[in-house]
């Protein structure tokens, strides 16, 4: 019986020691913070300005000042056309052509006046629709036999070879943007494709931001419109398609780079916590180029150092940490 009691007291004693040890370890580690880390590395960093935009292109809405009945379409929607190509004829085309040829010959022979020649040419031009530039037939608004209303477009031609992007740059970003800056253009329609371009025009005056082509009455932010030309193949991007643009305004090779998550500020200065032997050390650093996810540490850090990138608000100088794997 006494032996059994002794074993009970031994077990209770062991449990008490374990409990005290567990409480002590918890107390000892009460200020230990779990953190994730990242290394200070050398690499290339780019400063990028983002903006929204849409695709635009030379668009020709063609009709007739005099109107007339469509006799024949020489093209259909989707056709590629060349500059000067005949697209459609009106019902007076043959007569106008014959009159023009005859008057032109008489004018060349000195038997017709310049006024008569100009009148016959005007009538001939009004009897047909020709392409002013190369492009694609985007839309035909009348069928053969219908009468075209004077001044109304009968056919629309789009020249995608000369398309560009209209973008709006926030006024806060405009100081870093200049003509010639390289641009990456992306579209939600083609998420796996990136199109190269560069800026060739920036508006000299700011204007209110437009959404869907219209100024929002409750929108008070100012933007600078700019135009971006494509530098390669971009056939998939159609007129008025929404796109996103990333404008590279600065690039530096061999920069010391850390994640943005490592930064914290105090008194208008930038700091990080470096990690050594499971302790944190507060360091003031100088910031250079900033990208979406990284920053250049232009002073204050060395290549290979570890910096904390999580639970920054819980850390303190010379505090103890437990590194997450």
C-alpha atoms as a PDB file:
ATOM      1  CA  UNK A   1       0.000   0.000   0.000  1.00  0.00           C
ATOM      2  CA  UNK A   2       2.790   2.431   0.918  1.00  0.00           C
ATOM      3  CA  UNK A   3       4.617   1.422  -2.245  1.00  0.00           C
ATOM      4  CA  UNK A   4       1.550   2.271  -4.356  1.00  0.00           C
ATOM      5  CA  UNK A   5       1.231   5.662  -2.701  1.00  0.00           C
ATOM      6  CA  UNK A   6       4.891   6.331  -3.386  1.00  0.00           C
ATOM      7  CA  UNK A   7       4.397   5.699  -7.115  1.00  0.00           C
ATOM      8  CA  UNK A   8       1.372   7.994  -7.123  1.00  0.00           C
ATOM      9  CA  UNK A   9       3.443  10.785  -5.595  1.00  0.00           C
ATOM     10  CA  UNK A  10       6.254  10.150  -8.074  1.00  0.00           C
ATOM     11  CA  UNK A  11       3.833  10.387 -11.034  1.00  0.00           C
ATOM     12  CA  UNK A  12       2.260  13.527  -9.589  1.00  0.00           C
ATOM     13  CA  UNK A  13       5.715  15.002  -9.085  1.00  0.00           C
ATOM     14  CA  UNK A  14       6.697  14.284 -12.678  1.00  0.00           C
ATOM     15  CA  UNK A  15       3.464  15.831 -13.939  1.00  0.00           C
ATOM     16  CA  UNK A  16       4.036  18.895 -11.761  1.00  0.00           C
ATOM     17  CA  UNK A  17       7.565  19.289 -13.127  1.00  0.00           C
ATOM     18  CA  UNK A  18       6.312  18.948 -16.688  1.00  0.00           C
ATOM     19  CA  UNK A  19       3.559  21.495 -16.038  1.00  0.00           C
ATOM     20  CA  UNK A  20       5.993  23.957 -14.498  1.00  0.00           C
ATOM     21  CA  UNK A  21       8.389  23.403 -17.403  1.00  0.00           C
ATOM     22  CA  UNK A  22       5.638  23.946 -19.941  1.00  0.00           C
ATOM     23  CA  UNK A  23       4.554  27.163 -18.180  1.00  0.00           C
ATOM     24  CA  UNK A  24       8.168  28.357 -18.001  1.00  0.00           C
ATOM     25  CA  UNK A  25       8.778  27.663 -21.699  1.00  0.00           C
ATOM     26  CA  UNK A  26       5.589  29.519 -22.586  1.00  0.00           C
ATOM     27  CA  UNK A  27       6.658  32.435 -20.409  1.00  0.00           C
ATOM     28  CA  UNK A  28      10.192  32.407 -21.844  1.00  0.00           C
ATOM     29  CA  UNK A  29       8.844  32.390 -25.416  1.00  0.00           C
ATOM     30  CA  UNK A  30       6.078  34.896 -24.771  1.00  0.00           C
ATOM     31  CA  UNK A  31       7.767  37.531 -26.935  1.00  0.00           C
ATOM     32  CA  UNK A  32       8.975  35.210 -29.702  1.00  0.00           C
ATOM     33  CA  UNK A  33       7.327  36.103 -33.028  1.00  0.00           C
ATOM     34  CA  UNK A  34       6.998  33.798 -35.984  1.00  0.00           C
ATOM     35  CA  UNK A  35       8.207  35.464 -39.163  1.00  0.00           C
ATOM     36  CA  UNK A  36       8.779  34.701 -42.806  1.00  0.00           C
ATOM     37  CA  UNK A  37      12.001  35.949 -44.337  1.00  0.00           C
ATOM     38  CA  UNK A  38      13.443  36.873 -47.710  1.00  0.00           C
ATOM     39  CA  UNK A  39      17.002  37.383 -48.837  1.00  0.00           C
ATOM     40  CA  UNK A  40      18.481  40.638 -50.091  1.00  0.00           C
ATOM     41  CA  UNK A  41      19.381  39.827 -53.694  1.00  0.00           C
ATOM     42  CA  UNK A  42      20.882  41.539 -56.695  1.00  0.00           C
ATOM     43  CA  UNK A  43      18.829  41.778 -59.853  1.00  0.00           C
ATOM     44  CA  UNK A  44      16.997  43.991 -62.306  1.00  0.00           C
ATOM     45  CA  UNK A  45      14.182  46.173 -61.051  1.00  0.00           C
ATOM     46  CA  UNK A  46      11.759  48.266 -63.065  1.00  0.00           C
ATOM     47  CA  UNK A  47       9.578  51.158 -62.000  1.00  0.00           C
ATOM     48  CA  UNK A  48       6.211  50.727 -63.678  1.00  0.00           C
ATOM     49  CA  UNK A  49       3.219  53.043 -64.029  1.00  0.00           C
ATOM     50  CA  UNK A  50      -0.100  51.336 -64.728  1.00  0.00           C
ATOM     51  CA  UNK A  51      -3.025  52.784 -66.611  1.00  0.00           C
ATOM     52  CA  UNK A  52      -6.218  51.718 -68.319  1.00  0.00           C
ATOM     53  CA  UNK A  53      -6.911  52.242 -71.985  1.00  0.00           C
ATOM     54  CA  UNK A  54      -8.672  51.071 -75.100  1.00  0.00           C
ATOM     55  CA  UNK A  55      -7.711  50.215 -78.662  1.00  0.00           C
ATOM     56  CA  UNK A  56      -8.326  52.756 -81.403  1.00  0.00           C
ATOM     57  CA  UNK A  57      -7.577  52.782 -85.138  1.00  0.00           C
ATOM     58  CA  UNK A  58      -8.184  54.850 -88.282  1.00  0.00           C
ATOM     59  CA  UNK A  59     -11.875  54.353 -89.009  1.00  0.00           C
ATOM     60  CA  UNK A  60     -13.512  55.514 -92.240  1.00  0.00           C
ATOM     61  CA  UNK A  61     -17.291  55.900 -92.403  1.00  0.00           C
ATOM     62  CA  UNK A  62     -18.006  56.096 -96.127  1.00  0.00           C
ATOM     63  CA  UNK A  63     -21.158  57.167 -97.918  1.00  0.00           C
ATOM     64  CA  UNK A  64     -22.269  59.712-100.485  1.00  0.00           C
ATOM     65  CA  UNK A  65     -22.957  63.433-100.189  1.00  0.00           C
ATOM     66  CA  UNK A  66     -25.740  63.036-102.766  1.00  0.00           C
ATOM     67  CA  UNK A  67     -27.100  59.682-101.688  1.00  0.00           C
ATOM     68  CA  UNK A  68     -28.419  57.101-104.117  1.00  0.00           C
ATOM     69  CA  UNK A  69     -29.513  53.494-104.531  1.00  0.00           C
ATOM     70  CA  UNK A  70     -26.875  50.790-104.046  1.00  0.00           C
ATOM     71  CA  UNK A  71     -26.529  48.863-107.317  1.00  0.00           C
ATOM     72  CA  UNK A  72     -23.782  46.437-106.304  1.00  0.00           C
ATOM     73  CA  UNK A  73     -21.455  45.712-103.429  1.00  0.00           C
ATOM     74  CA  UNK A  74     -17.979  44.699-104.570  1.00  0.00           C
ATOM     75  CA  UNK A  75     -16.977  43.565-101.056  1.00  0.00           C
ATOM     76  CA  UNK A  76     -18.448  41.919 -97.997  1.00  0.00           C
ATOM     77  CA  UNK A  77     -17.888  42.390 -94.270  1.00  0.00           C
ATOM     78  CA  UNK A  78     -14.487  41.095 -93.176  1.00  0.00           C
ATOM     79  CA  UNK A  79     -12.805  41.586 -96.557  1.00  0.00           C
ATOM     80  CA  UNK A  80      -9.337  43.110 -96.733  1.00  0.00           C
ATOM     81  CA  UNK A  81      -9.276  46.096 -99.103  1.00  0.00           C
ATOM     82  CA  UNK A  82      -6.563  48.237-100.678  1.00  0.00           C
ATOM     83  CA  UNK A  83      -6.377  51.989-100.998  1.00  0.00           C
ATOM     84  CA  UNK A  84      -8.528  53.148-103.918  1.00  0.00           C
ATOM     85  CA  UNK A  85     -10.339  49.806-104.252  1.00  0.00           C
ATOM     86  CA  UNK A  86     -13.941  50.035-105.489  1.00  0.00           C
ATOM     87  CA  UNK A  87     -16.317  49.027-102.680  1.00  0.00           C
ATOM     88  CA  UNK A  88     -19.788  49.775-104.058  1.00  0.00           C
ATOM     89  CA  UNK A  89     -21.559  51.372-107.022  1.00  0.00           C
ATOM     90  CA  UNK A  90     -24.812  53.324-107.154  1.00  0.00           C
ATOM     91  CA  UNK A  91     -27.451  52.865-109.838  1.00  0.00           C
ATOM     92  CA  UNK A  92     -26.105  55.855-111.807  1.00  0.00           C
ATOM     93  CA  UNK A  93     -22.550  54.547-111.874  1.00  0.00           C
ATOM     94  CA  UNK A  94     -22.356  53.460-115.506  1.00  0.00           C
ATOM     95  CA  UNK A  95     -23.868  56.708-116.764  1.00  0.00           C
ATOM     96  CA  UNK A  96     -21.603  58.815-114.541  1.00  0.00           C
ATOM     97  CA  UNK A  97     -18.550  56.823-115.639  1.00  0.00           C
ATOM     98  CA  UNK A  98     -19.320  57.283-119.325  1.00  0.00           C
ATOM     99  CA  UNK A  99     -19.984  61.017-118.864  1.00  0.00           C
ATOM    100  CA  UNK A 100     -16.742  61.470-116.959  1.00  0.00           C
ATOM    101  CA  UNK A 101     -14.656  59.581-119.544  1.00  0.00           C
ATOM    102  CA  UNK A 102     -16.154  61.613-122.380  1.00  0.00           C
ATOM    103  CA  UNK A 103     -15.765  64.957-120.594  1.00  0.00           C
ATOM    104  CA  UNK A 104     -12.231  64.094-119.514  1.00  0.00           C
ATOM    105  CA  UNK A 105     -11.244  63.399-123.119  1.00  0.00           C
ATOM    106  CA  UNK A 106     -12.886  66.609-124.304  1.00  0.00           C
ATOM    107  CA  UNK A 107     -11.115  68.554-121.568  1.00  0.00           C
ATOM    108  CA  UNK A 108      -7.767  67.067-122.561  1.00  0.00           C
ATOM    109  CA  UNK A 109      -8.495  68.002-126.181  1.00  0.00           C
ATOM    110  CA  UNK A 110      -9.406  71.545-125.160  1.00  0.00           C
ATOM    111  CA  UNK A 111     -13.048  71.137-126.155  1.00  0.00           C
ATOM    112  CA  UNK A 112     -14.482  71.216-122.589  1.00  0.00           C
ATOM    113  CA  UNK A 113     -14.007  73.695-119.754  1.00  0.00           C
ATOM    114  CA  UNK A 114     -12.397  72.984-116.391  1.00  0.00           C
ATOM    115  CA  UNK A 115     -15.780  73.612-114.800  1.00  0.00           C
ATOM    116  CA  UNK A 116     -17.433  70.943-116.957  1.00  0.00           C
ATOM    117  CA  UNK A 117     -14.630  68.518-116.104  1.00  0.00           C
ATOM    118  CA  UNK A 118     -14.984  69.204-112.353  1.00  0.00           C
ATOM    119  CA  UNK A 119     -18.774  68.698-112.481  1.00  0.00           C
ATOM    120  CA  UNK A 120     -18.451  65.369-114.314  1.00  0.00           C
ATOM    121  CA  UNK A 121     -15.777  64.179-111.864  1.00  0.00           C
ATOM    122  CA  UNK A 122     -17.916  65.155-108.888  1.00  0.00           C
ATOM    123  CA  UNK A 123     -20.867  63.206-110.292  1.00  0.00           C
ATOM    124  CA  UNK A 124     -18.632  60.207-111.009  1.00  0.00           C
ATOM    125  CA  UNK A 125     -17.136  60.248-107.482  1.00  0.00           C
ATOM    126  CA  UNK A 126     -20.671  60.433-106.023  1.00  0.00           C
ATOM    127  CA  UNK A 127     -21.738  57.371-108.008  1.00  0.00           C
ATOM    128  CA  UNK A 128     -19.408  54.991-106.212  1.00  0.00           C
ATOM    129  CA  UNK A 129     -17.669  54.294-102.909  1.00  0.00           C
ATOM    130  CA  UNK A 130     -13.911  53.692-102.924  1.00  0.00           C
ATOM    131  CA  UNK A 131     -11.536  52.861-100.060  1.00  0.00           C
ATOM    132  CA  UNK A 132      -9.465  55.882 -98.917  1.00  0.00           C
ATOM    133  CA  UNK A 133      -6.895  53.572 -97.306  1.00  0.00           C
ATOM    134  CA  UNK A 134      -6.152  49.903 -96.802  1.00  0.00           C
ATOM    135  CA  UNK A 135      -8.098  48.113 -94.090  1.00  0.00           C
ATOM    136  CA  UNK A 136     -10.897  45.688 -93.254  1.00  0.00           C
ATOM    137  CA  UNK A 137     -14.574  46.090 -94.092  1.00  0.00           C
ATOM    138  CA  UNK A 138     -15.971  46.407 -90.586  1.00  0.00           C
ATOM    139  CA  UNK A 139     -19.640  47.008 -91.331  1.00  0.00           C
ATOM    140  CA  UNK A 140     -22.023  47.372 -94.282  1.00  0.00           C
ATOM    141  CA  UNK A 141     -25.162  49.330 -93.418  1.00  0.00           C
ATOM    142  CA  UNK A 142     -27.202  48.948 -96.632  1.00  0.00           C
ATOM    143  CA  UNK A 143     -28.084  46.050 -98.884  1.00  0.00           C
ATOM    144  CA  UNK A 144     -28.202  46.201-102.660  1.00  0.00           C
ATOM    145  CA  UNK A 145     -31.295  48.071-103.800  1.00  0.00           C
ATOM    146  CA  UNK A 146     -31.544  50.257-100.697  1.00  0.00           C
ATOM    147  CA  UNK A 147     -31.173  54.019-100.927  1.00  0.00           C
ATOM    148  CA  UNK A 148     -28.327  55.574 -98.995  1.00  0.00           C
ATOM    149  CA  UNK A 149     -29.274  58.718 -97.086  1.00  0.00           C
ATOM    150  CA  UNK A 150     -26.950  61.629 -97.991  1.00  0.00           C
ATOM    151  CA  UNK A 151     -24.241  62.050 -95.388  1.00  0.00           C
ATOM    152  CA  UNK A 152     -24.960  58.682 -93.724  1.00  0.00           C
ATOM    153  CA  UNK A 153     -22.246  55.966 -93.689  1.00  0.00           C
ATOM    154  CA  UNK A 154     -22.950  53.059 -96.011  1.00  0.00           C
ATOM    155  CA  UNK A 155     -19.790  51.131 -95.092  1.00  0.00           C
ATOM    156  CA  UNK A 156     -17.122  51.317 -92.389  1.00  0.00           C
ATOM    157  CA  UNK A 157     -13.457  50.540 -93.071  1.00  0.00           C
ATOM    158  CA  UNK A 158     -10.984  49.973 -90.208  1.00  0.00           C
ATOM    159  CA  UNK A 159      -7.208  50.021 -90.645  1.00  0.00           C
ATOM    160  CA  UNK A 160      -5.902  47.754 -87.879  1.00  0.00           C
ATOM    161  CA  UNK A 161      -2.338  47.999 -89.233  1.00  0.00           C
ATOM    162  CA  UNK A 162      -2.171  51.516 -87.808  1.00  0.00           C
ATOM    163  CA  UNK A 163      -4.115  50.943 -84.581  1.00  0.00           C
ATOM    164  CA  UNK A 164      -2.943  52.390 -81.264  1.00  0.00           C
ATOM    165  CA  UNK A 165      -3.921  52.504 -77.585  1.00  0.00           C
ATOM    166  CA  UNK A 166      -5.513  55.513 -75.926  1.00  0.00           C
ATOM    167  CA  UNK A 167      -4.583  55.481 -72.240  1.00  0.00           C
ATOM    168  CA  UNK A 168      -5.176  57.761 -69.237  1.00  0.00           C
ATOM    169  CA  UNK A 169      -2.222  58.405 -66.912  1.00  0.00           C
ATOM    170  CA  UNK A 170      -2.986  59.645 -63.393  1.00  0.00           C
ATOM    171  CA  UNK A 171      -1.624  63.118 -62.743  1.00  0.00           C
ATOM    172  CA  UNK A 172       0.312  61.769 -59.757  1.00  0.00           C
ATOM    173  CA  UNK A 173       2.275  59.499 -62.138  1.00  0.00           C
ATOM    174  CA  UNK A 174       2.766  61.807 -65.115  1.00  0.00           C
ATOM    175  CA  UNK A 175       6.059  63.292 -63.876  1.00  0.00           C
ATOM    176  CA  UNK A 176       7.802  59.968 -64.426  1.00  0.00           C
ATOM    177  CA  UNK A 177       6.328  59.249 -67.870  1.00  0.00           C
ATOM    178  CA  UNK A 178       7.863  60.490 -71.124  1.00  0.00           C
ATOM    179  CA  UNK A 179       7.572  59.948 -74.856  1.00  0.00           C
ATOM    180  CA  UNK A 180       9.482  56.834 -75.898  1.00  0.00           C
ATOM    181  CA  UNK A 181       8.841  54.887 -72.677  1.00  0.00           C
ATOM    182  CA  UNK A 182       8.334  51.176 -73.356  1.00  0.00           C
ATOM    183  CA  UNK A 183       4.900  49.718 -72.653  1.00  0.00           C
ATOM    184  CA  UNK A 184       3.433  46.270 -72.107  1.00  0.00           C
ATOM    185  CA  UNK A 185      -0.205  46.008 -73.227  1.00  0.00           C
ATOM    186  CA  UNK A 186      -2.474  43.239 -71.928  1.00  0.00           C
ATOM    187  CA  UNK A 187      -6.137  42.381 -72.316  1.00  0.00           C
ATOM    188  CA  UNK A 188      -8.504  40.327 -70.190  1.00  0.00           C
ATOM    189  CA  UNK A 189      -9.740  38.800 -73.454  1.00  0.00           C
ATOM    190  CA  UNK A 190      -6.281  37.320 -74.163  1.00  0.00           C
ATOM    191  CA  UNK A 191      -4.760  36.856 -70.683  1.00  0.00           C
ATOM    192  CA  UNK A 192      -1.778  34.840 -71.963  1.00  0.00           C
ATOM    193  CA  UNK A 193      -0.609  37.439 -74.479  1.00  0.00           C
ATOM    194  CA  UNK A 194       1.501  40.566 -73.968  1.00  0.00           C
ATOM    195  CA  UNK A 195       1.853  43.202 -76.694  1.00  0.00           C
ATOM    196  CA  UNK A 196       4.833  45.563 -76.904  1.00  0.00           C
ATOM    197  CA  UNK A 197       4.484  49.273 -77.551  1.00  0.00           C
ATOM    198  CA  UNK A 198       5.861  52.699 -76.754  1.00  0.00           C
ATOM    199  CA  UNK A 199       4.407  56.119 -75.992  1.00  0.00           C
ATOM    200  CA  UNK A 200       4.461  58.555 -78.918  1.00  0.00           C
ATOM    201  CA  UNK A 201       2.128  61.307 -77.659  1.00  0.00           C
ATOM    202  CA  UNK A 202       1.211  62.780 -74.263  1.00  0.00           C
ATOM    203  CA  UNK A 203      -1.470  65.451 -73.900  1.00  0.00           C
ATOM    204  CA  UNK A 204      -0.100  68.824 -72.736  1.00  0.00           C
ATOM    205  CA  UNK A 205      -3.226  69.448 -70.625  1.00  0.00           C
ATOM    206  CA  UNK A 206      -4.904  67.349 -67.945  1.00  0.00           C
ATOM    207  CA  UNK A 207      -8.580  66.441 -68.168  1.00  0.00           C
ATOM    208  CA  UNK A 208     -11.142  64.710 -65.989  1.00  0.00           C
ATOM    209  CA  UNK A 209     -11.032  60.921 -66.135  1.00  0.00           C
ATOM    210  CA  UNK A 210     -13.365  59.310 -68.623  1.00  0.00           C
ATOM    211  CA  UNK A 211     -15.126  56.012 -67.979  1.00  0.00           C
ATOM    212  CA  UNK A 212     -16.644  54.331 -71.018  1.00  0.00           C
ATOM    213  CA  UNK A 213     -15.785  57.390 -73.082  1.00  0.00           C
ATOM    214  CA  UNK A 214     -17.725  59.753 -70.816  1.00  0.00           C
ATOM    215  CA  UNK A 215     -16.673  62.025 -67.976  1.00  0.00           C
ATOM    216  CA  UNK A 216     -18.164  60.898 -64.675  1.00  0.00           C
ATOM    217  CA  UNK A 217     -19.812  63.822 -62.889  1.00  0.00           C
ATOM    218  CA  UNK A 218     -18.624  62.496 -59.530  1.00  0.00           C
ATOM    219  CA  UNK A 219     -15.100  61.804 -60.780  1.00  0.00           C
ATOM    220  CA  UNK A 220     -12.658  64.468 -59.612  1.00  0.00           C
ATOM    221  CA  UNK A 221      -9.341  62.860 -60.535  1.00  0.00           C
ATOM    222  CA  UNK A 222      -7.377  64.370 -63.394  1.00  0.00           C
ATOM    223  CA  UNK A 223      -5.507  62.359 -66.010  1.00  0.00           C
ATOM    224  CA  UNK A 224      -3.242  62.976 -68.969  1.00  0.00           C
ATOM    225  CA  UNK A 225      -4.342  61.159 -72.146  1.00  0.00           C
ATOM    226  CA  UNK A 226      -1.549  59.468 -74.058  1.00  0.00           C
ATOM    227  CA  UNK A 227      -1.204  57.379 -77.208  1.00  0.00           C
ATOM    228  CA  UNK A 228       0.768  54.152 -77.507  1.00  0.00           C
ATOM    229  CA  UNK A 229       1.835  52.611 -80.789  1.00  0.00           C
ATOM    230  CA  UNK A 230       2.232  48.857 -81.160  1.00  0.00           C
ATOM    231  CA  UNK A 231       5.682  47.499 -81.961  1.00  0.00           C
ATOM    232  CA  UNK A 232       4.641  44.080 -83.161  1.00  0.00           C
ATOM    233  CA  UNK A 233       1.769  41.856 -84.227  1.00  0.00           C
ATOM    234  CA  UNK A 234      -1.524  42.735 -82.527  1.00  0.00           C
ATOM    235  CA  UNK A 235      -4.230  41.516 -84.924  1.00  0.00           C
ATOM    236  CA  UNK A 236      -6.411  40.156 -82.115  1.00  0.00           C
ATOM    237  CA  UNK A 237      -6.985  43.544 -80.494  1.00  0.00           C
ATOM    238  CA  UNK A 238     -10.057  45.214 -81.961  1.00  0.00           C
ATOM    239  CA  UNK A 239     -11.289  48.808 -81.875  1.00  0.00           C
ATOM    240  CA  UNK A 240     -12.732  49.887 -78.496  1.00  0.00           C
ATOM    241  CA  UNK A 241     -11.400  46.762 -76.745  1.00  0.00           C
ATOM    242  CA  UNK A 242     -10.347  47.580 -73.159  1.00  0.00           C
ATOM    243  CA  UNK A 243      -6.694  46.993 -72.301  1.00  0.00           C
ATOM    244  CA  UNK A 244      -4.272  47.497 -69.438  1.00  0.00           C
ATOM    245  CA  UNK A 245      -0.903  49.183 -69.945  1.00  0.00           C
ATOM    246  CA  UNK A 246       2.268  48.938 -67.857  1.00  0.00           C
ATOM    247  CA  UNK A 247       4.690  51.765 -68.629  1.00  0.00           C
ATOM    248  CA  UNK A 248       8.322  51.167 -67.686  1.00  0.00           C
ATOM    249  CA  UNK A 249       9.658  54.545 -66.543  1.00  0.00           C
ATOM    250  CA  UNK A 250      12.942  53.378 -64.953  1.00  0.00           C
ATOM    251  CA  UNK A 251      15.113  50.254 -65.060  1.00  0.00           C
ATOM    252  CA  UNK A 252      18.222  49.372 -63.072  1.00  0.00           C
ATOM    253  CA  UNK A 253      20.480  46.337 -63.382  1.00  0.00           C
ATOM    254  CA  UNK A 254      22.388  44.871 -60.456  1.00  0.00           C
ATOM    255  CA  UNK A 255      20.241  46.594 -57.842  1.00  0.00           C
ATOM    256  CA  UNK A 256      19.841  45.309 -54.273  1.00  0.00           C
ATOM    257  CA  UNK A 257      16.216  44.184 -54.103  1.00  0.00           C
ATOM    258  CA  UNK A 258      13.894  43.375 -51.205  1.00  0.00           C
ATOM    259  CA  UNK A 259      10.145  42.630 -51.112  1.00  0.00           C
ATOM    260  CA  UNK A 260       7.811  45.545 -50.387  1.00  0.00           C
ATOM    261  CA  UNK A 261       6.423  43.597 -47.417  1.00  0.00           C
ATOM    262  CA  UNK A 262       9.708  44.101 -45.562  1.00  0.00           C
ATOM    263  CA  UNK A 263       9.335  47.911 -45.370  1.00  0.00           C
ATOM    264  CA  UNK A 264       7.902  49.973 -42.567  1.00  0.00           C
ATOM    265  CA  UNK A 265       8.048  53.719 -42.022  1.00  0.00           C
ATOM    266  CA  UNK A 266       8.726  56.044 -39.133  1.00  0.00           C
ATOM    267  CA  UNK A 267       9.276  59.805 -39.204  1.00  0.00           C
ATOM    268  CA  UNK A 268       9.258  59.837 -43.012  1.00  0.00           C
ATOM    269  CA  UNK A 269      12.103  57.289 -43.113  1.00  0.00           C
ATOM    270  CA  UNK A 270      12.119  53.667 -44.304  1.00  0.00           C
ATOM    271  CA  UNK A 271      13.183  50.731 -42.151  1.00  0.00           C
ATOM    272  CA  UNK A 272      13.454  46.934 -42.278  1.00  0.00           C
ATOM    273  CA  UNK A 273      14.157  44.222 -39.725  1.00  0.00           C
ATOM    274  CA  UNK A 274      17.146  42.060 -40.568  1.00  0.00           C
ATOM    275  CA  UNK A 275      17.409  38.609 -39.011  1.00  0.00           C
ATOM    276  CA  UNK A 276      20.532  37.145 -37.407  1.00  0.00           C
ATOM    277  CA  UNK A 277      20.702  34.233 -34.937  1.00  0.00           C
ATOM    278  CA  UNK A 278      16.925  34.322 -34.459  1.00  0.00           C
ATOM    279  CA  UNK A 279      16.921  37.957 -33.465  1.00  0.00           C
ATOM    280  CA  UNK A 280      15.707  41.055 -35.295  1.00  0.00           C
ATOM    281  CA  UNK A 281      17.753  44.178 -35.869  1.00  0.00           C
ATOM    282  CA  UNK A 282      16.095  47.398 -36.980  1.00  0.00           C
ATOM    283  CA  UNK A 283      17.849  49.065 -39.904  1.00  0.00           C
ATOM    284  CA  UNK A 284      17.199  52.366 -41.601  1.00  0.00           C
ATOM    285  CA  UNK A 285      17.569  52.125 -45.372  1.00  0.00           C
ATOM    286  CA  UNK A 286      17.398  54.341 -48.436  1.00  0.00           C
ATOM    287  CA  UNK A 287      14.861  53.477 -51.146  1.00  0.00           C
ATOM    288  CA  UNK A 288      15.501  53.773 -54.863  1.00  0.00           C
ATOM    289  CA  UNK A 289      13.286  52.338 -57.597  1.00  0.00           C
ATOM    290  CA  UNK A 290       9.957  50.857 -56.565  1.00  0.00           C
ATOM    291  CA  UNK A 291       8.136  48.144 -58.517  1.00  0.00           C
ATOM    292  CA  UNK A 292       4.811  46.451 -57.787  1.00  0.00           C
ATOM    293  CA  UNK A 293       6.314  43.802 -55.524  1.00  0.00           C
ATOM    294  CA  UNK A 294       9.864  44.942 -54.768  1.00  0.00           C
ATOM    295  CA  UNK A 295      11.972  47.961 -53.884  1.00  0.00           C
ATOM    296  CA  UNK A 296      15.582  48.857 -54.435  1.00  0.00           C
ATOM    297  CA  UNK A 297      17.590  49.226 -51.218  1.00  0.00           C
ATOM    298  CA  UNK A 298      20.056  51.862 -52.390  1.00  0.00           C
ATOM    299  CA  UNK A 299      21.739  52.107 -48.971  1.00  0.00           C
ATOM    300  CA  UNK A 300      21.630  50.338 -45.600  1.00  0.00           C
ATOM    301  CA  UNK A 301      21.630  46.668 -46.644  1.00  0.00           C
ATOM    302  CA  UNK A 302      24.069  44.121 -48.043  1.00  0.00           C
ATOM    303  CA  UNK A 303      23.541  41.265 -50.437  1.00  0.00           C
ATOM    304  CA  UNK A 304      22.663  38.011 -48.690  1.00  0.00           C
ATOM    305  CA  UNK A 305      21.133  39.515 -45.532  1.00  0.00           C
ATOM    306  CA  UNK A 306      17.757  38.196 -44.382  1.00  0.00           C
ATOM    307  CA  UNK A 307      14.832  40.553 -43.821  1.00  0.00           C
ATOM    308  CA  UNK A 308      11.498  39.863 -42.126  1.00  0.00           C
ATOM    309  CA  UNK A 309       8.467  40.022 -44.424  1.00  0.00           C
ATOM    310  CA  UNK A 310       5.618  39.055 -42.074  1.00  0.00           C
ATOM    311  CA  UNK A 311       4.277  40.175 -38.674  1.00  0.00           C
ATOM    312  CA  UNK A 312       6.285  43.396 -39.006  1.00  0.00           C
ATOM    313  CA  UNK A 313       4.033  45.273 -36.561  1.00  0.00           C
ATOM    314  CA  UNK A 314       4.819  42.723 -33.810  1.00  0.00           C
ATOM    315  CA  UNK A 315       8.588  42.981 -34.133  1.00  0.00           C
ATOM    316  CA  UNK A 316      11.026  45.119 -32.150  1.00  0.00           C
ATOM    317  CA  UNK A 317      14.733  45.798 -32.201  1.00  0.00           C
ATOM    318  CA  UNK A 318      16.747  42.822 -30.889  1.00  0.00           C
ATOM    319  CA  UNK A 319      13.555  40.859 -30.475  1.00  0.00           C
ATOM    320  CA  UNK A 320      13.501  37.073 -30.686  1.00  0.00           C
ATOM    321  CA  UNK A 321      11.880  35.348 -33.645  1.00  0.00           C
ATOM    322  CA  UNK A 322      11.070  31.893 -34.866  1.00  0.00           C
ATOM    323  CA  UNK A 323      11.627  31.513 -38.592  1.00  0.00           C
ATOM    324  CA  UNK A 324       8.810  29.929 -40.564  1.00  0.00           C
ATOM    325  CA  UNK A 325       9.902  27.393 -43.130  1.00  0.00           C
END
